[in-house]
Amino acid sequence: MHRSGIHLSIRRLARRLALIVIALALAAPSPTPTAPAWAWPVGDPHVIIRDWQPPPNEYSAGHRGIDIAASPGDIIVAPDSGIVHFAGRVVDRTVVSIAHTGDLVSSYEPLETTLKKGDRVERGQQIGVVVASGHCAESCLHFGVRHDGRYISPLLLLDARPRAVLLPVDHDARAPTTPAGVPDGTSHAASRSLRECRSGSYRGSRARASPARPADPLRHRAGGWRRCV
């Protein structure tokens, strides 16, 4: 074959290969964008006064959520869009729960709200205000999350780790275990903060505290709690 004929054949083959590559690229499904992290339901500072503590079984005692320091009147917002699943009184306080995509349901208490079941809420929309109650020694918002009916740590969905965590003085603080059927959260910054706090390497301890909460290295509190700040 003449040399020019060989070059022509190579060019034709190269063009065909390029067309095949382009066709495959166009036919490939677009990557699914990663879902954004949830927003915090209350504003800064995000101080956790009691962390999520999973019970050994469905009927045992535990703490099925996190308590975030908040004052009466503080605005509560939806961390993500969804539909109000429940809004009403439970025992002595008002509770609101919101159903989100991905079989997730978030809950908030105690609060005052005008929402009713079936209302649509958008991410960042005000859903109520914090009210005083006896749930916490200090005023707080209790924030819980269920995935496929099982409680998980809300910190797995939030976009930042907490500023501070309270640890029991006389008990070993273990990183929470994630129930079967949901993503493993042991590598999340919130889980690391518990271990780092006990070892003295918690970077959050150097964060500036709010004026109402002095940043003492170790602060003993009533009820046998100490604060890592």
C-alpha atoms as a PDB file:
ATOM      1  CA  MET A   1       0.000   0.000   0.000  1.00  0.00           C
ATOM      2  CA  HIS A   2       1.232   3.487  -0.803  1.00  0.00           C
ATOM      3  CA  ARG A   3       2.424   5.547   2.143  1.00  0.00           C
ATOM      4  CA  SER A   4      -0.239   8.231   1.559  1.00  0.00           C
ATOM      5  CA  GLY A   5      -2.887   5.502   1.628  1.00  0.00           C
ATOM      6  CA  ILE A   6      -1.599   4.268   4.975  1.00  0.00           C
ATOM      7  CA  HIS A   7      -1.760   7.788   6.422  1.00  0.00           C
ATOM      8  CA  LEU A   8      -5.314   8.205   5.103  1.00  0.00           C
ATOM      9  CA  SER A   9      -6.401   4.943   6.727  1.00  0.00           C
ATOM     10  CA  ILE A  10      -4.864   5.971  10.053  1.00  0.00           C
ATOM     11  CA  ARG A  11      -6.653   9.338   9.963  1.00  0.00           C
ATOM     12  CA  ARG A  12      -9.975   7.653   9.203  1.00  0.00           C
ATOM     13  CA  LEU A  13      -9.460   5.199  12.056  1.00  0.00           C
ATOM     14  CA  ALA A  14      -8.583   8.035  14.434  1.00  0.00           C
ATOM     15  CA  ARG A  15     -11.740   9.931  13.465  1.00  0.00           C
ATOM     16  CA  ARG A  16     -13.876   6.828  14.010  1.00  0.00           C
ATOM     17  CA  LEU A  17     -12.338   6.228  17.433  1.00  0.00           C
ATOM     18  CA  ALA A  18     -12.949   9.868  18.385  1.00  0.00           C
ATOM     19  CA  LEU A  19     -16.597   9.581  17.338  1.00  0.00           C
ATOM     20  CA  ILE A  20     -16.980   6.395  19.392  1.00  0.00           C
ATOM     21  CA  VAL A  21     -15.496   8.087  22.479  1.00  0.00           C
ATOM     22  CA  ILE A  22     -17.837  11.087  22.089  1.00  0.00           C
ATOM     23  CA  ALA A  23     -20.862   8.823  21.637  1.00  0.00           C
ATOM     24  CA  LEU A  24     -19.996   6.843  24.768  1.00  0.00           C
ATOM     25  CA  ALA A  25     -19.529  10.039  26.775  1.00  0.00           C
ATOM     26  CA  LEU A  26     -22.915  11.370  25.686  1.00  0.00           C
ATOM     27  CA  ALA A  27     -24.628   8.059  26.433  1.00  0.00           C
ATOM     28  CA  ALA A  28     -23.149   7.754  29.938  1.00  0.00           C
ATOM     29  CA  PRO A  29     -25.527   8.863  32.720  1.00  0.00           C
ATOM     30  CA  SER A  30     -24.706  12.141  34.417  1.00  0.00           C
ATOM     31  CA  PRO A  31     -23.270  11.733  37.925  1.00  0.00           C
ATOM     32  CA  THR A  32     -25.805  12.242  40.684  1.00  0.00           C
ATOM     33  CA  PRO A  33     -24.942  15.385  42.646  1.00  0.00           C
ATOM     34  CA  THR A  34     -24.122  14.844  46.304  1.00  0.00           C
ATOM     35  CA  ALA A  35     -26.928  15.933  48.592  1.00  0.00           C
ATOM     36  CA  PRO A  36     -25.963  19.050  50.568  1.00  0.00           C
ATOM     37  CA  ALA A  37     -25.513  18.761  54.307  1.00  0.00           C
ATOM     38  CA  TRP A  38     -28.394  19.861  56.485  1.00  0.00           C
ATOM     39  CA  ALA A  39     -28.409  23.301  58.053  1.00  0.00           C
ATOM     40  CA  TRP A  40     -28.436  23.695  61.829  1.00  0.00           C
ATOM     41  CA  PRO A  41     -31.981  24.279  63.147  1.00  0.00           C
ATOM     42  CA  VAL A  42     -30.812  27.130  65.416  1.00  0.00           C
ATOM     43  CA  GLY A  43     -28.215  29.846  64.974  1.00  0.00           C
ATOM     44  CA  ASP A  44     -24.682  30.147  66.328  1.00  0.00           C
ATOM     45  CA  PRO A  45     -23.125  29.171  68.606  1.00  0.00           C
ATOM     46  CA  HIS A  46     -23.863  25.474  68.042  1.00  0.00           C
ATOM     47  CA  VAL A  47     -23.220  24.238  71.578  1.00  0.00           C
ATOM     48  CA  ILE A  48     -24.226  20.629  72.263  1.00  0.00           C
ATOM     49  CA  ILE A  49     -25.201  20.301  75.919  1.00  0.00           C
ATOM     50  CA  ARG A  50     -26.146  16.632  75.562  1.00  0.00           C
ATOM     51  CA  ASP A  51     -25.080  14.351  72.726  1.00  0.00           C
ATOM     52  CA  TRP A  52     -26.895  11.488  71.036  1.00  0.00           C
ATOM     53  CA  GLN A  53     -26.736   8.314  73.146  1.00  0.00           C
ATOM     54  CA  PRO A  54     -28.232   5.266  71.400  1.00  0.00           C
ATOM     55  CA  PRO A  55     -30.093   2.832  73.669  1.00  0.00           C
ATOM     56  CA  PRO A  56     -29.014  -0.845  73.643  1.00  0.00           C
ATOM     57  CA  ASN A  57     -32.445  -1.745  72.260  1.00  0.00           C
ATOM     58  CA  GLU A  58     -35.636  -0.075  71.078  1.00  0.00           C
ATOM     59  CA  TYR A  59     -37.269  -0.051  74.510  1.00  0.00           C
ATOM     60  CA  SER A  60     -34.305   0.929  76.714  1.00  0.00           C
ATOM     61  CA  ALA A  61     -33.393   4.364  77.999  1.00  0.00           C
ATOM     62  CA  GLY A  62     -31.116   6.529  75.901  1.00  0.00           C
ATOM     63  CA  HIS A  63     -30.974   9.964  74.334  1.00  0.00           C
ATOM     64  CA  ARG A  64     -32.463   9.763  70.864  1.00  0.00           C
ATOM     65  CA  GLY A  65     -31.212  13.105  69.602  1.00  0.00           C
ATOM     66  CA  ILE A  66     -29.012  16.037  70.567  1.00  0.00           C
ATOM     67  CA  ASP A  67     -29.754  18.982  72.861  1.00  0.00           C
ATOM     68  CA  ILE A  68     -28.542  22.267  71.363  1.00  0.00           C
ATOM     69  CA  ALA A  69     -28.202  25.275  73.659  1.00  0.00           C
ATOM     70  CA  ALA A  70     -30.890  27.822  72.774  1.00  0.00           C
ATOM     71  CA  SER A  71     -32.815  30.546  74.568  1.00  0.00           C
ATOM     72  CA  PRO A  72     -36.591  30.993  74.692  1.00  0.00           C
ATOM     73  CA  GLY A  73     -37.649  32.955  71.634  1.00  0.00           C
ATOM     74  CA  ASP A  74     -34.767  31.741  69.448  1.00  0.00           C
ATOM     75  CA  ILE A  75     -35.904  31.003  65.897  1.00  0.00           C
ATOM     76  CA  ILE A  76     -35.968  27.373  64.732  1.00  0.00           C
ATOM     77  CA  VAL A  77     -35.597  26.689  61.004  1.00  0.00           C
ATOM     78  CA  ALA A  78     -36.056  23.599  58.857  1.00  0.00           C
ATOM     79  CA  PRO A  79     -32.623  22.036  58.174  1.00  0.00           C
ATOM     80  CA  ASP A  80     -33.910  20.754  54.836  1.00  0.00           C
ATOM     81  CA  SER A  81     -37.092  20.868  52.769  1.00  0.00           C
ATOM     82  CA  GLY A  82     -39.929  18.499  53.603  1.00  0.00           C
ATOM     83  CA  ILE A  83     -43.532  17.963  54.675  1.00  0.00           C
ATOM     84  CA  VAL A  84     -44.770  18.384  58.251  1.00  0.00           C
ATOM     85  CA  HIS A  85     -45.365  14.854  59.522  1.00  0.00           C
ATOM     86  CA  PHE A  86     -46.661  15.835  62.968  1.00  0.00           C
ATOM     87  CA  ALA A  87     -47.325  19.058  64.864  1.00  0.00           C
ATOM     88  CA  GLY A  88     -48.995  18.930  68.256  1.00  0.00           C
ATOM     89  CA  ARG A  89     -48.742  18.358  71.981  1.00  0.00           C
ATOM     90  CA  VAL A  90     -46.913  15.358  73.410  1.00  0.00           C
ATOM     91  CA  VAL A  91     -47.379  15.140  77.191  1.00  0.00           C
ATOM     92  CA  ASP A  92     -46.487  18.693  78.315  1.00  0.00           C
ATOM     93  CA  ARG A  93     -44.773  20.183  75.262  1.00  0.00           C
ATOM     94  CA  THR A  94     -45.261  20.871  71.565  1.00  0.00           C
ATOM     95  CA  VAL A  95     -43.387  18.672  69.097  1.00  0.00           C
ATOM     96  CA  VAL A  96     -42.946  19.102  65.342  1.00  0.00           C
ATOM     97  CA  SER A  97     -41.617  16.427  62.990  1.00  0.00           C
ATOM     98  CA  ILE A  98     -40.807  16.868  59.293  1.00  0.00           C
ATOM     99  CA  ALA A  99     -40.554  14.116  56.668  1.00  0.00           C
ATOM    100  CA  HIS A 100     -37.662  14.611  54.226  1.00  0.00           C
ATOM    101  CA  THR A 101     -36.455  12.747  51.159  1.00  0.00           C
ATOM    102  CA  GLY A 102     -34.379   9.622  51.776  1.00  0.00           C
ATOM    103  CA  ASP A 103     -36.699   8.149  54.449  1.00  0.00           C
ATOM    104  CA  LEU A 104     -35.561  10.788  56.952  1.00  0.00           C
ATOM    105  CA  VAL A 105     -37.764  12.378  59.613  1.00  0.00           C
ATOM    106  CA  SER A 106     -36.515  15.216  61.836  1.00  0.00           C
ATOM    107  CA  SER A 107     -38.134  16.272  65.115  1.00  0.00           C
ATOM    108  CA  TYR A 108     -37.967  19.383  67.299  1.00  0.00           C
ATOM    109  CA  GLU A 109     -39.052  20.155  70.872  1.00  0.00           C
ATOM    110  CA  PRO A 110     -39.975  22.156  72.878  1.00  0.00           C
ATOM    111  CA  LEU A 111     -41.232  24.909  70.595  1.00  0.00           C
ATOM    112  CA  GLU A 112     -44.112  27.142  69.689  1.00  0.00           C
ATOM    113  CA  THR A 113     -45.337  26.797  66.106  1.00  0.00           C
ATOM    114  CA  THR A 114     -48.215  27.567  63.767  1.00  0.00           C
ATOM    115  CA  LEU A 115     -47.463  24.636  61.455  1.00  0.00           C
ATOM    116  CA  LYS A 116     -49.901  21.811  60.923  1.00  0.00           C
ATOM    117  CA  LYS A 117     -49.613  18.327  59.458  1.00  0.00           C
ATOM    118  CA  GLY A 118     -49.205  18.375  55.684  1.00  0.00           C
ATOM    119  CA  ASP A 119     -47.617  21.830  55.460  1.00  0.00           C
ATOM    120  CA  ARG A 120     -44.706  22.146  53.040  1.00  0.00           C
ATOM    121  CA  VAL A 121     -41.530  23.720  54.460  1.00  0.00           C
ATOM    122  CA  GLU A 122     -38.375  24.780  52.675  1.00  0.00           C
ATOM    123  CA  ARG A 123     -34.784  24.593  53.863  1.00  0.00           C
ATOM    124  CA  GLY A 124     -34.083  27.558  56.155  1.00  0.00           C
ATOM    125  CA  GLN A 125     -37.771  28.405  56.653  1.00  0.00           C
ATOM    126  CA  GLN A 126     -38.811  29.320  60.190  1.00  0.00           C
ATOM    127  CA  ILE A 127     -40.842  26.513  61.738  1.00  0.00           C
ATOM    128  CA  GLY A 128     -41.194  27.881  65.261  1.00  0.00           C
ATOM    129  CA  VAL A 129     -39.451  29.404  68.267  1.00  0.00           C
ATOM    130  CA  VAL A 130     -37.850  27.807  71.317  1.00  0.00           C
ATOM    131  CA  VAL A 131     -39.876  27.841  74.539  1.00  0.00           C
ATOM    132  CA  ALA A 132     -38.821  27.133  78.115  1.00  0.00           C
ATOM    133  CA  SER A 133     -39.306  23.610  79.445  1.00  0.00           C
ATOM    134  CA  GLY A 134     -37.857  21.153  81.911  1.00  0.00           C
ATOM    135  CA  HIS A 135     -36.168  19.032  79.243  1.00  0.00           C
ATOM    136  CA  CYS A 136     -32.755  20.616  79.880  1.00  0.00           C
ATOM    137  CA  ALA A 137     -31.215  22.135  82.989  1.00  0.00           C
ATOM    138  CA  GLU A 138     -30.387  25.010  80.649  1.00  0.00           C
ATOM    139  CA  SER A 139     -32.726  26.118  77.882  1.00  0.00           C
ATOM    140  CA  CYS A 140     -32.250  24.041  74.744  1.00  0.00           C
ATOM    141  CA  LEU A 141     -33.730  22.607  71.571  1.00  0.00           C
ATOM    142  CA  HIS A 142     -33.971  18.826  71.362  1.00  0.00           C
ATOM    143  CA  PHE A 143     -33.269  17.805  67.756  1.00  0.00           C
ATOM    144  CA  GLY A 144     -33.822  14.203  66.649  1.00  0.00           C
ATOM    145  CA  VAL A 145     -33.567  12.338  63.337  1.00  0.00           C
ATOM    146  CA  ARG A 146     -34.944   8.977  62.233  1.00  0.00           C
ATOM    147  CA  HIS A 147     -33.802   7.081  59.151  1.00  0.00           C
ATOM    148  CA  ASP A 148     -36.205   4.402  57.944  1.00  0.00           C
ATOM    149  CA  GLY A 149     -37.827   4.465  61.388  1.00  0.00           C
ATOM    150  CA  ARG A 150     -34.587   4.165  63.379  1.00  0.00           C
ATOM    151  CA  TYR A 151     -33.038   7.003  65.338  1.00  0.00           C
ATOM    152  CA  ILE A 152     -29.608   8.164  64.203  1.00  0.00           C
ATOM    153  CA  SER A 153     -27.282  10.937  65.328  1.00  0.00           C
ATOM    154  CA  PRO A 154     -28.316  14.252  63.731  1.00  0.00           C
ATOM    155  CA  LEU A 155     -24.626  15.149  63.558  1.00  0.00           C
ATOM    156  CA  LEU A 156     -24.301  12.747  60.621  1.00  0.00           C
ATOM    157  CA  LEU A 157     -26.374  15.167  58.541  1.00  0.00           C
ATOM    158  CA  LEU A 158     -25.245  18.568  59.780  1.00  0.00           C
ATOM    159  CA  ASP A 159     -22.636  20.620  57.974  1.00  0.00           C
ATOM    160  CA  ALA A 160     -20.271  21.211  60.908  1.00  0.00           C
ATOM    161  CA  ARG A 161     -19.191  19.639  64.152  1.00  0.00           C
ATOM    162  CA  PRO A 162     -20.418  21.025  67.479  1.00  0.00           C
ATOM    163  CA  ARG A 163     -18.580  23.760  69.352  1.00  0.00           C
ATOM    164  CA  ALA A 164     -18.743  21.891  72.661  1.00  0.00           C
ATOM    165  CA  VAL A 165     -19.803  18.538  74.072  1.00  0.00           C
ATOM    166  CA  LEU A 166     -20.671  17.553  77.636  1.00  0.00           C
ATOM    167  CA  LEU A 167     -19.220  14.283  78.900  1.00  0.00           C
ATOM    168  CA  PRO A 168     -20.199  12.279  82.013  1.00  0.00           C
ATOM    169  CA  VAL A 169     -17.491  12.456  84.687  1.00  0.00           C
ATOM    170  CA  ASP A 170     -17.943   8.922  86.025  1.00  0.00           C
ATOM    171  CA  HIS A 171     -18.725   7.069  82.823  1.00  0.00           C
ATOM    172  CA  ASP A 172     -16.687   6.104  79.816  1.00  0.00           C
ATOM    173  CA  ALA A 173     -17.821   8.190  76.814  1.00  0.00           C
ATOM    174  CA  ARG A 174     -17.982   5.995  73.766  1.00  0.00           C
ATOM    175  CA  ALA A 175     -18.529   7.185  70.217  1.00  0.00           C
ATOM    176  CA  PRO A 176     -22.146   6.432  69.267  1.00  0.00           C
ATOM    177  CA  THR A 177     -22.788   3.413  67.103  1.00  0.00           C
ATOM    178  CA  THR A 178     -24.900   3.836  64.004  1.00  0.00           C
ATOM    179  CA  PRO A 179     -27.934   1.534  63.706  1.00  0.00           C
ATOM    180  CA  ALA A 180     -27.901  -1.010  60.899  1.00  0.00           C
ATOM    181  CA  GLY A 181     -29.213   0.212  57.578  1.00  0.00           C
ATOM    182  CA  VAL A 182     -27.791   3.745  57.661  1.00  0.00           C
ATOM    183  CA  PRO A 183     -24.362   5.143  56.681  1.00  0.00           C
ATOM    184  CA  ASP A 184     -21.608   4.572  59.218  1.00  0.00           C
ATOM    185  CA  GLY A 185     -20.939   7.814  61.064  1.00  0.00           C
ATOM    186  CA  THR A 186     -17.929   6.781  63.135  1.00  0.00           C
ATOM    187  CA  SER A 187     -15.586   8.725  60.857  1.00  0.00           C
ATOM    188  CA  HIS A 188     -17.684  11.900  61.162  1.00  0.00           C
ATOM    189  CA  ALA A 189     -16.120  14.860  62.934  1.00  0.00           C
ATOM    190  CA  ALA A 190     -18.769  14.668  65.628  1.00  0.00           C
ATOM    191  CA  SER A 191     -17.646  11.170  66.621  1.00  0.00           C
ATOM    192  CA  ARG A 192     -13.995  12.221  66.549  1.00  0.00           C
ATOM    193  CA  SER A 193     -14.702  15.176  68.800  1.00  0.00           C
ATOM    194  CA  LEU A 194     -15.755  12.850  71.639  1.00  0.00           C
ATOM    195  CA  ARG A 195     -12.466  10.968  71.517  1.00  0.00           C
ATOM    196  CA  GLU A 196     -10.402  14.137  71.027  1.00  0.00           C
ATOM    197  CA  CYS A 197     -12.114  15.829  73.933  1.00  0.00           C
ATOM    198  CA  ARG A 198     -11.128  12.994  76.290  1.00  0.00           C
ATOM    199  CA  SER A 199      -7.546  12.986  75.035  1.00  0.00           C
ATOM    200  CA  GLY A 200      -7.154  16.741  75.339  1.00  0.00           C
ATOM    201  CA  SER A 201      -6.598  17.228  71.594  1.00  0.00           C
ATOM    202  CA  TYR A 202     -10.067  18.512  70.722  1.00  0.00           C
ATOM    203  CA  ARG A 203      -9.423  21.472  68.428  1.00  0.00           C
ATOM    204  CA  GLY A 204     -12.810  22.901  69.239  1.00  0.00           C
ATOM    205  CA  SER A 205     -11.487  23.573  72.758  1.00  0.00           C
ATOM    206  CA  ARG A 206      -9.608  26.557  71.387  1.00  0.00           C
ATOM    207  CA  ALA A 207     -12.716  28.113  69.827  1.00  0.00           C
ATOM    208  CA  ARG A 208     -13.888  31.400  71.345  1.00  0.00           C
ATOM    209  CA  ALA A 209     -16.780  30.797  73.705  1.00  0.00           C
ATOM    210  CA  SER A 210     -19.874  32.969  73.877  1.00  0.00           C
ATOM    211  CA  PRO A 211     -19.838  35.642  76.626  1.00  0.00           C
ATOM    212  CA  ALA A 212     -22.420  33.692  78.627  1.00  0.00           C
ATOM    213  CA  ARG A 213     -20.283  30.547  78.650  1.00  0.00           C
ATOM    214  CA  PRO A 214     -16.653  31.077  79.855  1.00  0.00           C
ATOM    215  CA  ALA A 215     -14.152  28.852  78.077  1.00  0.00           C
ATOM    216  CA  ASP A 216     -12.686  27.093  81.124  1.00  0.00           C
ATOM    217  CA  PRO A 217     -10.539  24.054  80.175  1.00  0.00           C
ATOM    218  CA  LEU A 218     -12.664  21.859  82.465  1.00  0.00           C
ATOM    219  CA  ARG A 219     -15.864  23.034  83.992  1.00  0.00           C
ATOM    220  CA  HIS A 220     -17.700  20.887  86.550  1.00  0.00           C
ATOM    221  CA  ARG A 221     -21.450  21.238  86.531  1.00  0.00           C
ATOM    222  CA  ALA A 222     -24.360  20.119  88.680  1.00  0.00           C
ATOM    223  CA  GLY A 223     -25.482  16.582  87.972  1.00  0.00           C
ATOM    224  CA  GLY A 224     -21.993  15.163  87.497  1.00  0.00           C
ATOM    225  CA  TRP A 225     -21.281  16.607  84.034  1.00  0.00           C
ATOM    226  CA  ARG A 226     -18.153  18.297  82.825  1.00  0.00           C
ATOM    227  CA  ARG A 227     -17.774  20.410  79.744  1.00  0.00           C
ATOM    228  CA  CYS A 228     -15.117  20.145  77.056  1.00  0.00           C
ATOM    229  CA  VAL A 229     -14.976  23.591  75.456  1.00  0.00           C
END
